[in-house]
Amino acid sequence: MAYYAENSFKDTTNQASGTTYVVTLPDSGTYAVDDLLVIAIRNNGGGTAITQSGGSDWTIEADQAQVTNMRMAIAWKVATTTSETNPTFNCANAAISASSFVVKDAPTTTPIDGSKRANMAATTSVASGALTVGTDNALLLAIMGSNAGDQQRFKSN
């Protein structure tokens, strides 16, 4: 059963502007080969897609413009070493922040099997009883960001 690796959450410093952004991955030793590395990226320039710079070893699962010029992307990679290189992403020239974490025991061939929720807004909510999965012991993962000036951070529970 896939699970969030305790103490693997890494918050990358907020960048006020710029079109490239280096995401800090969890510390070496918090993940192993075949663990799933996940990055949540939030950019205040909603009109420009978030893409990986200089490579394609990360899969961008969801890149979506939201309300008030906010854009979010979820990127993932199955670790091939115990010390991966911090990836660089391209985005609009606006404030950006990211967080990364590790998921243990996820499938290595199709680790993410889901979809993004379209057009979320400040008042959007999802009742946990309404969530269904087609696979036993699936990890349900919800990630959110906010467009809140200098406090543009992700949080994990």
Protein backbone atom coordinates (compact mmCIF):
# COMPACT_ATOMS: atom_id res chain seq x y z
CA MET A 1 0.00 0.00 0.00
CA ALA A 2 1.38 3.41 -0.98
CA TYR A 3 1.97 5.89 1.85
CA TYR A 4 3.44 9.35 2.46
CA ALA A 5 7.01 9.06 3.75
CA GLU A 6 7.14 10.78 7.12
CA ASN A 7 9.64 13.67 7.35
CA SER A 8 10.11 13.82 3.56
CA PHE A 9 8.21 17.09 2.97
CA LYS A 10 10.49 19.84 1.60
CA ASP A 11 9.33 23.41 1.06
CA THR A 12 11.30 25.42 -1.53
CA THR A 13 11.87 29.12 -0.86
CA ASN A 14 9.33 31.45 -2.47
CA GLN A 15 10.74 33.26 -5.51
CA ALA A 16 9.25 36.70 -6.16
CA SER A 17 9.85 36.70 -9.94
CA GLY A 18 11.72 34.95 -12.73
CA THR A 19 10.88 32.45 -15.45
CA THR A 20 12.95 29.51 -14.16
CA TYR A 21 12.69 27.87 -10.77
CA VAL A 22 14.80 25.16 -9.13
CA VAL A 23 12.77 22.87 -6.86
CA THR A 24 14.50 21.45 -3.79
CA LEU A 25 13.87 17.72 -3.46
CA PRO A 26 13.60 15.83 -0.18
CA ASP A 27 16.92 15.11 1.52
CA SER A 28 18.97 12.10 0.45
CA GLY A 29 18.19 9.25 2.78
CA THR A 30 14.46 10.01 2.90
CA TYR A 31 13.87 8.08 -0.33
CA ALA A 32 15.17 5.00 -2.12
CA VAL A 33 15.31 3.78 -5.72
CA ASP A 34 11.73 3.17 -6.98
CA ASP A 35 10.14 5.59 -4.47
CA LEU A 36 7.76 8.13 -5.99
CA LEU A 37 8.92 11.77 -5.84
CA VAL A 38 6.11 14.31 -6.11
CA ILE A 39 6.37 18.07 -6.66
CA ALA A 40 3.54 20.58 -6.29
CA ILE A 41 4.32 23.90 -8.02
CA ARG A 42 2.32 27.12 -7.66
CA ASN A 43 2.84 30.14 -9.92
CA ASN A 44 1.11 33.51 -9.76
CA GLY A 45 1.21 33.85 -13.57
CA GLY A 46 -1.75 31.74 -14.60
CA GLY A 47 -1.45 32.29 -18.34
CA THR A 48 1.80 30.39 -18.95
CA ALA A 49 2.13 26.62 -18.68
CA ILE A 50 4.61 25.21 -16.16
CA THR A 51 7.12 22.99 -17.97
CA GLN A 52 10.34 21.20 -17.10
CA SER A 53 13.51 22.95 -18.21
CA GLY A 54 16.28 20.99 -19.87
CA GLY A 55 14.83 17.49 -19.72
CA SER A 56 11.81 15.31 -19.61
CA ASP A 57 12.51 12.93 -16.74
CA TRP A 58 9.62 14.42 -14.70
CA THR A 59 6.02 13.80 -15.74
CA ILE A 60 3.75 16.82 -15.35
CA GLU A 61 0.48 15.19 -14.38
CA ALA A 62 -1.63 18.29 -13.99
CA ASP A 63 -0.88 21.81 -15.16
CA GLN A 64 -3.91 23.97 -14.75
CA ALA A 65 -4.72 27.66 -14.62
CA GLN A 66 -6.98 28.50 -11.70
CA VAL A 67 -8.78 31.60 -10.56
CA THR A 68 -7.04 34.98 -10.07
CA ASN A 69 -4.05 34.20 -12.32
CA MET A 70 -2.90 31.28 -10.20
CA ARG A 71 -1.51 28.19 -11.88
CA MET A 72 -0.65 24.85 -10.29
CA ALA A 73 1.22 21.83 -11.60
CA ILE A 74 1.90 18.41 -10.15
CA ALA A 75 5.05 16.67 -11.37
CA TRP A 76 6.31 13.21 -10.46
CA LYS A 77 9.21 10.88 -11.05
CA VAL A 78 10.10 7.39 -9.89
CA ALA A 79 13.51 7.73 -8.24
CA THR A 80 16.36 6.02 -10.09
CA THR A 81 18.97 6.98 -7.47
CA THR A 82 18.95 7.87 -3.78
CA SER A 83 20.18 11.38 -4.56
CA GLU A 84 18.27 12.88 -7.51
CA THR A 85 19.21 16.23 -9.04
CA ASN A 86 16.97 19.16 -8.11
CA PRO A 87 14.87 19.83 -11.23
CA THR A 88 14.29 23.19 -12.91
CA PHE A 89 10.90 24.30 -14.22
CA ASN A 90 9.85 27.15 -16.54
CA CYS A 91 6.90 29.37 -15.71
CA ALA A 92 5.50 32.89 -16.06
CA ASN A 93 7.60 35.77 -14.69
CA ALA A 94 5.73 35.97 -11.40
CA ALA A 95 5.88 34.66 -7.84
CA ILE A 96 6.41 30.90 -7.62
CA SER A 97 6.80 28.33 -4.88
CA ALA A 98 6.95 24.56 -4.68
CA SER A 99 6.96 21.67 -2.27
CA SER A 100 8.21 18.13 -2.75
CA PHE A 101 7.67 14.90 -0.89
CA VAL A 102 8.09 11.13 -1.14
CA VAL A 103 5.49 8.39 -1.53
CA LYS A 104 6.69 4.91 -0.57
CA ASP A 105 5.44 1.64 -2.10
CA ALA A 106 3.66 3.26 -5.04
CA PRO A 107 3.50 1.28 -8.29
CA THR A 108 6.50 2.08 -10.49
CA THR A 109 4.74 1.74 -13.86
CA THR A 110 1.63 3.89 -13.28
CA PRO A 111 2.18 5.54 -9.91
CA ILE A 112 -0.40 8.28 -10.50
CA ASP A 113 -3.76 6.99 -11.68
CA GLY A 114 -6.22 9.83 -11.35
CA SER A 115 -7.17 13.22 -12.61
CA LYS A 116 -7.16 16.84 -11.61
CA ARG A 117 -10.20 18.63 -10.33
CA ALA A 118 -11.16 21.36 -12.80
CA ASN A 119 -11.74 25.01 -11.97
CA MET A 120 -11.30 25.01 -8.24
CA ALA A 121 -12.21 28.21 -6.45
CA ALA A 122 -11.92 29.57 -2.93
CA THR A 123 -15.28 28.08 -2.03
CA THR A 124 -14.76 24.65 -3.62
CA SER A 125 -14.85 21.64 -1.32
CA VAL A 126 -14.90 17.89 -1.77
CA ALA A 127 -16.73 15.71 0.72
CA SER A 128 -14.54 12.75 1.67
CA GLY A 129 -17.55 10.43 1.44
CA ALA A 130 -17.88 11.33 -2.24
CA LEU A 131 -14.40 10.07 -3.11
CA THR A 132 -14.20 6.63 -4.65
CA VAL A 133 -11.31 4.56 -5.95
CA GLY A 134 -11.17 1.52 -8.19
CA THR A 135 -8.16 -0.04 -6.46
CA ASP A 136 -7.93 -1.40 -2.93
CA ASN A 137 -5.42 0.34 -0.64
CA ALA A 138 -5.06 3.34 -2.99
CA LEU A 139 -3.42 6.48 -1.65
CA LEU A 140 -5.74 9.49 -1.96
CA LEU A 141 -3.72 12.64 -2.35
CA ALA A 142 -5.11 16.17 -2.25
CA ILE A 143 -2.87 19.14 -2.95
CA MET A 144 -3.87 22.78 -2.81
CA GLY A 145 -2.20 26.13 -3.11
CA SER A 146 -3.25 29.70 -2.52
CA ASN A 147 -2.73 33.03 -4.21
CA ALA A 148 -1.79 34.96 -1.09
CA GLY A 149 1.08 37.31 -1.85
CA ASP A 150 4.28 36.38 -0.04
CA GLN A 151 2.60 33.45 1.73
CA GLN A 152 2.47 31.30 -1.42
CA ARG A 153 3.28 27.98 0.17
CA PHE A 154 1.92 24.47 0.12
CA LYS A 155 1.14 22.64 3.30
CA SER A 156 1.01 18.95 3.97
CA ASN A 157 -0.85 17.00 6.60
